[in-house]
Amino acid sequence: MNKSHGSPYDRGSADRYYGRQFAPHYYRDGGHVRVEIDLMTAEEIFDYKVGWNGCLCRKDWGGGIYAPEQSDVPLMDIRDFRDKGGADT
């Protein structure tokens, strides 16, 4: 699994850390091209989910303010994921 900066794993972990919405994506070409879920492979989406689920800490914004707690996502088959409406469900 590629865990380099901009990879699906990295983006999943970063999105959860900062309290952003679950929205599989990654960056290629040195971070200049964003690849959205509809152009990702099942393996890339799985890697994003693993990164998301593996992030157990939250951003500390200071003054006792932290990024919100978020739930793990199931590591289900990509066909099931798309059948349920994608990242917004």
PDB file of N, CA and C in Angstrom:
ATOM      1  N   MET A   1       0.842  -1.181   0.000  1.00  0.00           N
ATOM      2  CA  MET A   1       0.000   0.000   0.000  1.00  0.00           C
ATOM      3  C   MET A   1       0.887   1.245   0.000  1.00  0.00           C
ATOM      4  N   ASN A   2       0.585   2.152  -0.904  1.00  0.00           N
ATOM      5  CA  ASN A   2       1.324   3.408  -1.008  1.00  0.00           C
ATOM      6  C   ASN A   2       0.828   4.374   0.070  1.00  0.00           C
ATOM      7  N   LYS A   3       1.721   4.817   0.948  1.00  0.00           N
ATOM      8  CA  LYS A   3       1.358   5.740   2.024  1.00  0.00           C
ATOM      9  C   LYS A   3       2.020   7.107   1.843  1.00  0.00           C
ATOM     10  N   SER A   4       2.517   7.376   0.636  1.00  0.00           N
ATOM     11  CA  SER A   4       3.216   8.641   0.393  1.00  0.00           C
ATOM     12  C   SER A   4       2.242   9.821   0.382  1.00  0.00           C
ATOM     13  N   HIS A   5       2.790  11.019   0.523  1.00  0.00           N
ATOM     14  CA  HIS A   5       1.973  12.227   0.549  1.00  0.00           C
ATOM     15  C   HIS A   5       1.142  12.340  -0.726  1.00  0.00           C
ATOM     16  N   GLY A   6      -0.147  12.549  -0.558  1.00  0.00           N
ATOM     17  CA  GLY A   6      -1.050  12.676  -1.693  1.00  0.00           C
ATOM     18  C   GLY A   6      -1.722  11.384  -2.103  1.00  0.00           C
ATOM     19  N   SER A   7      -1.236  10.234  -1.589  1.00  0.00           N
ATOM     20  CA  SER A   7      -1.811   8.932  -1.946  1.00  0.00           C
ATOM     21  C   SER A   7      -3.219   8.799  -1.357  1.00  0.00           C
ATOM     22  N   PRO A   8      -4.014   7.852  -1.854  1.00  0.00           N
ATOM     23  CA  PRO A   8      -5.340   7.644  -1.269  1.00  0.00           C
ATOM     24  C   PRO A   8      -5.285   7.394   0.243  1.00  0.00           C
ATOM     25  N   TYR A   9      -4.336   6.593   0.682  1.00  0.00           N
ATOM     26  CA  TYR A   9      -4.186   6.325   2.119  1.00  0.00           C
ATOM     27  C   TYR A   9      -3.922   7.624   2.879  1.00  0.00           C
ATOM     28  N   ASP A  10      -2.997   8.408   2.392  1.00  0.00           N
ATOM     29  CA  ASP A  10      -2.636   9.681   3.028  1.00  0.00           C
ATOM     30  C   ASP A  10      -3.820  10.633   3.090  1.00  0.00           C
ATOM     31  N   ARG A  11      -4.570  10.741   1.992  1.00  0.00           N
ATOM     32  CA  ARG A  11      -5.718  11.654   1.955  1.00  0.00           C
ATOM     33  C   ARG A  11      -6.817  11.204   2.901  1.00  0.00           C
ATOM     34  N   GLY A  12      -7.064   9.884   2.988  1.00  0.00           N
ATOM     35  CA  GLY A  12      -8.068   9.379   3.931  1.00  0.00           C
ATOM     36  C   GLY A  12      -7.695   9.701   5.362  1.00  0.00           C
ATOM     37  N   SER A  13      -6.442   9.485   5.690  1.00  0.00           N
ATOM     38  CA  SER A  13      -5.961   9.782   7.036  1.00  0.00           C
ATOM     39  C   SER A  13      -6.045  11.273   7.335  1.00  0.00           C
ATOM     40  N   ALA A  14      -5.620  12.102   6.409  1.00  0.00           N
ATOM     41  CA  ALA A  14      -5.635  13.556   6.608  1.00  0.00           C
ATOM     42  C   ALA A  14      -7.061  14.091   6.713  1.00  0.00           C
ATOM     43  N   ASP A  15      -7.969  13.583   5.875  1.00  0.00           N
ATOM     44  CA  ASP A  15      -9.351  14.060   5.926  1.00  0.00           C
ATOM     45  C   ASP A  15      -9.962  13.801   7.298  1.00  0.00           C
ATOM     46  N   ARG A  16      -9.747  12.616   7.837  1.00  0.00           N
ATOM     47  CA  ARG A  16     -10.307  12.312   9.157  1.00  0.00           C
ATOM     48  C   ARG A  16      -9.616  13.122  10.250  1.00  0.00           C
ATOM     49  N   TYR A  17      -8.311  13.261  10.181  1.00  0.00           N
ATOM     50  CA  TYR A  17      -7.552  14.013  11.182  1.00  0.00           C
ATOM     51  C   TYR A  17      -8.069  15.444  11.305  1.00  0.00           C
ATOM     52  N   TYR A  18      -8.333  16.075  10.177  1.00  0.00           N
ATOM     53  CA  TYR A  18      -8.789  17.466  10.171  1.00  0.00           C
ATOM     54  C   TYR A  18     -10.306  17.614  10.295  1.00  0.00           C
ATOM     55  N   GLY A  19     -11.031  16.503  10.409  1.00  0.00           N
ATOM     56  CA  GLY A  19     -12.477  16.568  10.574  1.00  0.00           C
ATOM     57  C   GLY A  19     -13.234  16.855   9.297  1.00  0.00           C
ATOM     58  N   ARG A  20     -12.598  16.574   8.161  1.00  0.00           N
ATOM     59  CA  ARG A  20     -13.278  16.800   6.880  1.00  0.00           C
ATOM     60  C   ARG A  20     -14.220  15.638   6.566  1.00  0.00           C
ATOM     61  N   GLN A  21     -15.108  15.865   5.626  1.00  0.00           N
ATOM     62  CA  GLN A  21     -16.072  14.859   5.193  1.00  0.00           C
ATOM     63  C   GLN A  21     -15.356  13.672   4.540  1.00  0.00           C
ATOM     64  N   PHE A  22     -15.923  12.473   4.706  1.00  0.00           N
ATOM     65  CA  PHE A  22     -15.440  11.287   4.021  1.00  0.00           C
ATOM     66  C   PHE A  22     -15.718  11.458   2.530  1.00  0.00           C
ATOM     67  N   ALA A  23     -14.671  11.598   1.740  1.00  0.00           N
ATOM     68  CA  ALA A  23     -14.810  11.825   0.298  1.00  0.00           C
ATOM     69  C   ALA A  23     -13.563  11.301  -0.404  1.00  0.00           C
ATOM     70  N   PRO A  24     -13.549  10.018  -0.776  1.00  0.00           N
ATOM     71  CA  PRO A  24     -12.360   9.431  -1.385  1.00  0.00           C
ATOM     72  C   PRO A  24     -11.836  10.242  -2.572  1.00  0.00           C
ATOM     73  N   HIS A  25     -10.530  10.478  -2.547  1.00  0.00           N
ATOM     74  CA  HIS A  25      -9.812  11.196  -3.600  1.00  0.00           C
ATOM     75  C   HIS A  25      -8.323  11.022  -3.312  1.00  0.00           C
ATOM     76  N   TYR A  26      -7.496  11.459  -4.225  1.00  0.00           N
ATOM     77  CA  TYR A  26      -6.054  11.525  -3.996  1.00  0.00           C
ATOM     78  C   TYR A  26      -5.460  12.505  -4.993  1.00  0.00           C
ATOM     79  N   TYR A  27      -4.175  12.767  -4.834  1.00  0.00           N
ATOM     80  CA  TYR A  27      -3.469  13.678  -5.737  1.00  0.00           C
ATOM     81  C   TYR A  27      -2.363  12.929  -6.459  1.00  0.00           C
ATOM     82  N   ARG A  28      -2.167  13.265  -7.705  1.00  0.00           N
ATOM     83  CA  ARG A  28      -1.063  12.694  -8.486  1.00  0.00           C
ATOM     84  C   ARG A  28      -0.286  13.839  -9.121  1.00  0.00           C
ATOM     85  N   ASP A  29       0.791  13.500  -9.776  1.00  0.00           N
ATOM     86  CA  ASP A  29       1.647  14.492 -10.446  1.00  0.00           C
ATOM     87  C   ASP A  29       2.133  15.561  -9.482  1.00  0.00           C
ATOM     88  N   GLY A  30       2.644  15.107  -8.339  1.00  0.00           N
ATOM     89  CA  GLY A  30       3.205  16.038  -7.363  1.00  0.00           C
ATOM     90  C   GLY A  30       2.177  16.892  -6.657  1.00  0.00           C
ATOM     91  N   GLY A  31       0.944  16.413  -6.600  1.00  0.00           N
ATOM     92  CA  GLY A  31      -0.098  17.146  -5.896  1.00  0.00           C
ATOM     93  C   GLY A  31      -0.827  18.162  -6.734  1.00  0.00           C
ATOM     94  N   HIS A  32      -0.603  18.152  -8.036  1.00  0.00           N
ATOM     95  CA  HIS A  32      -1.214  19.158  -8.905  1.00  0.00           C
ATOM     96  C   HIS A  32      -2.524  18.690  -9.539  1.00  0.00           C
ATOM     97  N   VAL A  33      -2.783  17.384  -9.522  1.00  0.00           N
ATOM     98  CA  VAL A  33      -3.988  16.851 -10.150  1.00  0.00           C
ATOM     99  C   VAL A  33      -4.772  16.060  -9.112  1.00  0.00           C
ATOM    100  N   ARG A  34      -6.000  16.501  -8.826  1.00  0.00           N
ATOM    101  CA  ARG A  34      -6.865  15.802  -7.877  1.00  0.00           C
ATOM    102  C   ARG A  34      -7.683  14.758  -8.624  1.00  0.00           C
ATOM    103  N   VAL A  35      -7.662  13.523  -8.128  1.00  0.00           N
ATOM    104  CA  VAL A  35      -8.416  12.425  -8.724  1.00  0.00           C
ATOM    105  C   VAL A  35      -9.597  12.124  -7.800  1.00  0.00           C
ATOM    106  N   GLU A  36     -10.819  12.259  -8.331  1.00  0.00           N
ATOM    107  CA  GLU A  36     -12.039  12.041  -7.556  1.00  0.00           C
ATOM    108  C   GLU A  36     -12.467  10.581  -7.607  1.00  0.00           C
ATOM    109  N   ILE A  37     -13.423  10.225  -6.764  1.00  0.00           N
ATOM    110  CA  ILE A  37     -13.858   8.838  -6.597  1.00  0.00           C
ATOM    111  C   ILE A  37     -14.282   8.181  -7.903  1.00  0.00           C
ATOM    112  N   ASP A  38     -14.932   8.911  -8.796  1.00  0.00           N
ATOM    113  CA  ASP A  38     -15.423   8.288 -10.025  1.00  0.00           C
ATOM    114  C   ASP A  38     -14.305   7.849 -10.967  1.00  0.00           C
ATOM    115  N   LEU A  39     -13.081   8.322 -10.719  1.00  0.00           N
ATOM    116  CA  LEU A  39     -11.932   7.905 -11.525  1.00  0.00           C
ATOM    117  C   LEU A  39     -10.955   7.031 -10.748  1.00  0.00           C
ATOM    118  N   MET A  40     -11.322   6.654  -9.528  1.00  0.00           N
ATOM    119  CA  MET A  40     -10.453   5.827  -8.691  1.00  0.00           C
ATOM    120  C   MET A  40     -10.755   4.348  -8.885  1.00  0.00           C
ATOM    121  N   THR A  41      -9.723   3.519  -8.721  1.00  0.00           N
ATOM    122  CA  THR A  41      -9.915   2.071  -8.763  1.00  0.00           C
ATOM    123  C   THR A  41     -10.459   1.602  -7.413  1.00  0.00           C
ATOM    124  N   ALA A  42     -10.970   0.386  -7.377  1.00  0.00           N
ATOM    125  CA  ALA A  42     -11.451  -0.197  -6.123  1.00  0.00           C
ATOM    126  C   ALA A  42     -10.319  -0.258  -5.099  1.00  0.00           C
ATOM    127  N   GLU A  43      -9.111  -0.573  -5.551  1.00  0.00           N
ATOM    128  CA  GLU A  43      -7.968  -0.629  -4.642  1.00  0.00           C
ATOM    129  C   GLU A  43      -7.653   0.750  -4.059  1.00  0.00           C
ATOM    130  N   GLU A  44      -7.718   1.783  -4.861  1.00  0.00           N
ATOM    131  CA  GLU A  44      -7.441   3.138  -4.370  1.00  0.00           C
ATOM    132  C   GLU A  44      -8.491   3.581  -3.350  1.00  0.00           C
ATOM    133  N   ILE A  45      -9.751   3.245  -3.597  1.00  0.00           N
ATOM    134  CA  ILE A  45     -10.806   3.584  -2.638  1.00  0.00           C
ATOM    135  C   ILE A  45     -10.613   2.802  -1.351  1.00  0.00           C
ATOM    136  N   PHE A  46     -10.240   1.548  -1.466  1.00  0.00           N
ATOM    137  CA  PHE A  46      -9.952   0.734  -0.286  1.00  0.00           C
ATOM    138  C   PHE A  46      -8.808   1.357   0.515  1.00  0.00           C
ATOM    139  N   ASP A  47      -7.756   1.793  -0.155  1.00  0.00           N
ATOM    140  CA  ASP A  47      -6.619   2.421   0.525  1.00  0.00           C
ATOM    141  C   ASP A  47      -7.044   3.693   1.250  1.00  0.00           C
ATOM    142  N   TYR A  48      -7.919   4.488   0.636  1.00  0.00           N
ATOM    143  CA  TYR A  48      -8.440   5.695   1.286  1.00  0.00           C
ATOM    144  C   TYR A  48      -9.175   5.308   2.573  1.00  0.00           C
ATOM    145  N   LYS A  49     -10.011   4.274   2.494  1.00  0.00           N
ATOM    146  CA  LYS A  49     -10.759   3.820   3.667  1.00  0.00           C
ATOM    147  C   LYS A  49      -9.833   3.329   4.770  1.00  0.00           C
ATOM    148  N   VAL A  50      -8.786   2.603   4.399  1.00  0.00           N
ATOM    149  CA  VAL A  50      -7.827   2.119   5.394  1.00  0.00           C
ATOM    150  C   VAL A  50      -7.147   3.308   6.075  1.00  0.00           C
ATOM    151  N   GLY A  51      -6.769   4.315   5.307  1.00  0.00           N
ATOM    152  CA  GLY A  51      -6.184   5.521   5.885  1.00  0.00           C
ATOM    153  C   GLY A  51      -7.159   6.223   6.815  1.00  0.00           C
ATOM    154  N   TRP A  52      -8.417   6.334   6.398  1.00  0.00           N
ATOM    155  CA  TRP A  52      -9.465   6.960   7.209  1.00  0.00           C
ATOM    156  C   TRP A  52      -9.635   6.204   8.533  1.00  0.00           C
ATOM    157  N   ASN A  53      -9.813   4.891   8.434  1.00  0.00           N
ATOM    158  CA  ASN A  53     -10.046   4.084   9.632  1.00  0.00           C
ATOM    159  C   ASN A  53      -8.827   4.036  10.538  1.00  0.00           C
ATOM    160  N   GLY A  54      -7.638   4.171   9.980  1.00  0.00           N
ATOM    161  CA  GLY A  54      -6.418   4.070  10.764  1.00  0.00           C
ATOM    162  C   GLY A  54      -6.055   5.340  11.523  1.00  0.00           C
ATOM    163  N   CYS A  55      -6.704   6.439  11.215  1.00  0.00           N
ATOM    164  CA  CYS A  55      -6.398   7.708  11.876  1.00  0.00           C
ATOM    165  C   CYS A  55      -7.180   7.782  13.182  1.00  0.00           C
ATOM    166  N   LEU A  56      -6.480   7.678  14.297  1.00  0.00           N
ATOM    167  CA  LEU A  56      -7.139   7.651  15.603  1.00  0.00           C
ATOM    168  C   LEU A  56      -6.993   8.959  16.368  1.00  0.00           C
ATOM    169  N   CYS A  57      -6.221   9.892  15.857  1.00  0.00           N
ATOM    170  CA  CYS A  57      -6.052  11.170  16.547  1.00  0.00           C
ATOM    171  C   CYS A  57      -6.767  12.264  15.765  1.00  0.00           C
ATOM    172  N   ARG A  58      -6.997  13.386  16.425  1.00  0.00           N
ATOM    173  CA  ARG A  58      -7.703  14.503  15.805  1.00  0.00           C
ATOM    174  C   ARG A  58      -6.870  15.767  15.922  1.00  0.00           C
ATOM    175  N   LYS A  59      -7.029  16.665  14.996  1.00  0.00           N
ATOM    176  CA  LYS A  59      -6.329  17.938  15.007  1.00  0.00           C
ATOM    177  C   LYS A  59      -6.712  18.731  16.259  1.00  0.00           C
ATOM    178  N   ASP A  60      -5.710  19.223  16.969  1.00  0.00           N
ATOM    179  CA  ASP A  60      -5.907  20.100  18.116  1.00  0.00           C
ATOM    180  C   ASP A  60      -5.756  21.527  17.614  1.00  0.00           C
ATOM    181  N   TRP A  61      -6.857  22.254  17.559  1.00  0.00           N
ATOM    182  CA  TRP A  61      -6.852  23.620  17.054  1.00  0.00           C
ATOM    183  C   TRP A  61      -6.454  24.616  18.140  1.00  0.00           C
ATOM    184  N   GLY A  62      -6.205  24.139  19.347  1.00  0.00           N
ATOM    185  CA  GLY A  62      -5.839  25.011  20.459  1.00  0.00           C
ATOM    186  C   GLY A  62      -7.056  25.425  21.259  1.00  0.00           C
ATOM    187  N   GLY A  63      -6.836  25.785  22.497  1.00  0.00           N
ATOM    188  CA  GLY A  63      -7.934  26.232  23.351  1.00  0.00           C
ATOM    189  C   GLY A  63      -8.961  25.159  23.636  1.00  0.00           C
ATOM    190  N   GLY A  64      -8.551  23.896  23.584  1.00  0.00           N
ATOM    191  CA  GLY A  64      -9.488  22.805  23.845  1.00  0.00           C
ATOM    192  C   GLY A  64     -10.416  22.482  22.697  1.00  0.00           C
ATOM    193  N   ILE A  65     -10.125  23.007  21.519  1.00  0.00           N
ATOM    194  CA  ILE A  65     -10.966  22.747  20.341  1.00  0.00           C
ATOM    195  C   ILE A  65     -10.272  21.710  19.461  1.00  0.00           C
ATOM    196  N   TYR A  66     -10.987  20.625  19.196  1.00  0.00           N
ATOM    197  CA  TYR A  66     -10.451  19.533  18.391  1.00  0.00           C
ATOM    198  C   TYR A  66     -11.352  19.288  17.187  1.00  0.00           C
ATOM    199  N   ALA A  67     -10.782  18.693  16.154  1.00  0.00           N
ATOM    200  CA  ALA A  67     -11.592  18.255  15.017  1.00  0.00           C
ATOM    201  C   ALA A  67     -12.618  17.255  15.533  1.00  0.00           C
ATOM    202  N   PRO A  68     -13.791  17.188  14.915  1.00  0.00           N
ATOM    203  CA  PRO A  68     -14.849  16.302  15.416  1.00  0.00           C
ATOM    204  C   PRO A  68     -14.506  14.826  15.299  1.00  0.00           C
ATOM    205  N   GLU A  69     -15.039  14.041  16.235  1.00  0.00           N
ATOM    206  CA  GLU A  69     -14.929  12.591  16.149  1.00  0.00           C
ATOM    207  C   GLU A  69     -15.755  12.125  14.957  1.00  0.00           C
ATOM    208  N   GLN A  70     -15.245  11.141  14.239  1.00  0.00           N
ATOM    209  CA  GLN A  70     -15.960  10.588  13.099  1.00  0.00           C
ATOM    210  C   GLN A  70     -15.890   9.075  13.158  1.00  0.00           C
ATOM    211  N   SER A  71     -16.864   8.432  12.592  1.00  0.00           N
ATOM    212  CA  SER A  71     -16.961   6.980  12.633  1.00  0.00           C
ATOM    213  C   SER A  71     -16.088   6.327  11.576  1.00  0.00           C
ATOM    214  N   ASP A  72     -15.678   5.093  11.868  1.00  0.00           N
ATOM    215  CA  ASP A  72     -15.020   4.275  10.863  1.00  0.00           C
ATOM    216  C   ASP A  72     -16.003   3.993   9.735  1.00  0.00           C
ATOM    217  N   VAL A  73     -15.472   3.672   8.572  1.00  0.00           N
ATOM    218  CA  VAL A  73     -16.305   3.268   7.446  1.00  0.00           C
ATOM    219  C   VAL A  73     -16.058   1.789   7.187  1.00  0.00           C
ATOM    220  N   PRO A  74     -17.084   1.059   6.744  1.00  0.00           N
ATOM    221  CA  PRO A  74     -16.885  -0.360   6.446  1.00  0.00           C
ATOM    222  C   PRO A  74     -15.998  -0.531   5.226  1.00  0.00           C
ATOM    223  N   LEU A  75     -15.184  -1.552   5.258  1.00  0.00           N
ATOM    224  CA  LEU A  75     -14.308  -1.850   4.118  1.00  0.00           C
ATOM    225  C   LEU A  75     -15.041  -2.817   3.193  1.00  0.00           C
ATOM    226  N   MET A  76     -16.171  -2.340   2.624  1.00  0.00           N
ATOM    227  CA  MET A  76     -16.999  -3.180   1.772  1.00  0.00           C
ATOM    228  C   MET A  76     -16.560  -3.092   0.319  1.00  0.00           C
ATOM    229  N   ASP A  77     -17.132  -3.944  -0.455  1.00  0.00           N
ATOM    230  CA  ASP A  77     -16.852  -3.989  -1.880  1.00  0.00           C
ATOM    231  C   ASP A  77     -17.266  -2.666  -2.530  1.00  0.00           C
ATOM    232  N   ILE A  78     -16.506  -2.190  -3.479  1.00  0.00           N
ATOM    233  CA  ILE A  78     -16.769  -0.910  -4.127  1.00  0.00           C
ATOM    234  C   ILE A  78     -18.130  -0.886  -4.817  1.00  0.00           C
ATOM    235  N   ARG A  79     -18.598  -1.996  -5.322  1.00  0.00           N
ATOM    236  CA  ARG A  79     -19.916  -2.012  -5.957  1.00  0.00           C
ATOM    237  C   ARG A  79     -20.995  -1.704  -4.935  1.00  0.00           C
ATOM    238  N   ASP A  80     -20.850  -2.216  -3.707  1.00  0.00           N
ATOM    239  CA  ASP A  80     -21.797  -1.901  -2.642  1.00  0.00           C
ATOM    240  C   ASP A  80     -21.732  -0.416  -2.313  1.00  0.00           C
ATOM    241  N   PHE A  81     -20.534   0.143  -2.274  1.00  0.00           N
ATOM    242  CA  PHE A  81     -20.325   1.546  -1.934  1.00  0.00           C
ATOM    243  C   PHE A  81     -21.034   2.448  -2.939  1.00  0.00           C
ATOM    244  N   ARG A  82     -20.852   2.199  -4.210  1.00  0.00           N
ATOM    245  CA  ARG A  82     -21.478   3.034  -5.238  1.00  0.00           C
ATOM    246  C   ARG A  82     -22.991   2.830  -5.276  1.00  0.00           C
ATOM    247  N   ASP A  83     -23.469   1.592  -5.013  1.00  0.00           N
ATOM    248  CA  ASP A  83     -24.906   1.327  -5.004  1.00  0.00           C
ATOM    249  C   ASP A  83     -25.616   2.102  -3.906  1.00  0.00           C
ATOM    250  N   LYS A  84     -24.913   2.470  -2.851  1.00  0.00           N
ATOM    251  CA  LYS A  84     -25.509   3.194  -1.734  1.00  0.00           C
ATOM    252  C   LYS A  84     -25.398   4.700  -1.901  1.00  0.00           C
ATOM    253  N   GLY A  85     -24.999   5.169  -3.054  1.00  0.00           N
ATOM    254  CA  GLY A  85     -24.994   6.595  -3.319  1.00  0.00           C
ATOM    255  C   GLY A  85     -23.655   7.263  -3.151  1.00  0.00           C
ATOM    256  N   GLY A  86     -22.585   6.509  -3.014  1.00  0.00           N
ATOM    257  CA  GLY A  86     -21.252   7.111  -2.940  1.00  0.00           C
ATOM    258  C   GLY A  86     -20.898   7.669  -1.598  1.00  0.00           C
ATOM    259  N   ALA A  87     -20.085   8.688  -1.611  1.00  0.00           N
ATOM    260  CA  ALA A  87     -19.461   9.215  -0.399  1.00  0.00           C
ATOM    261  C   ALA A  87     -20.421   9.943   0.517  1.00  0.00           C
ATOM    262  N   ASP A  88     -21.600  10.317   0.054  1.00  0.00           N
ATOM    263  CA  ASP A  88     -22.515  11.085   0.892  1.00  0.00           C
ATOM    264  C   ASP A  88     -23.403  10.234   1.762  1.00  0.00           C
ATOM    265  N   THR A  89     -23.291   8.915   1.677  1.00  0.00           N
ATOM    266  CA  THR A  89     -24.144   8.054   2.502  1.00  0.00           C
ATOM    267  C   THR A  89     -23.365   7.436   3.610  1.00  0.00           C
TER     268      THR A  89
END
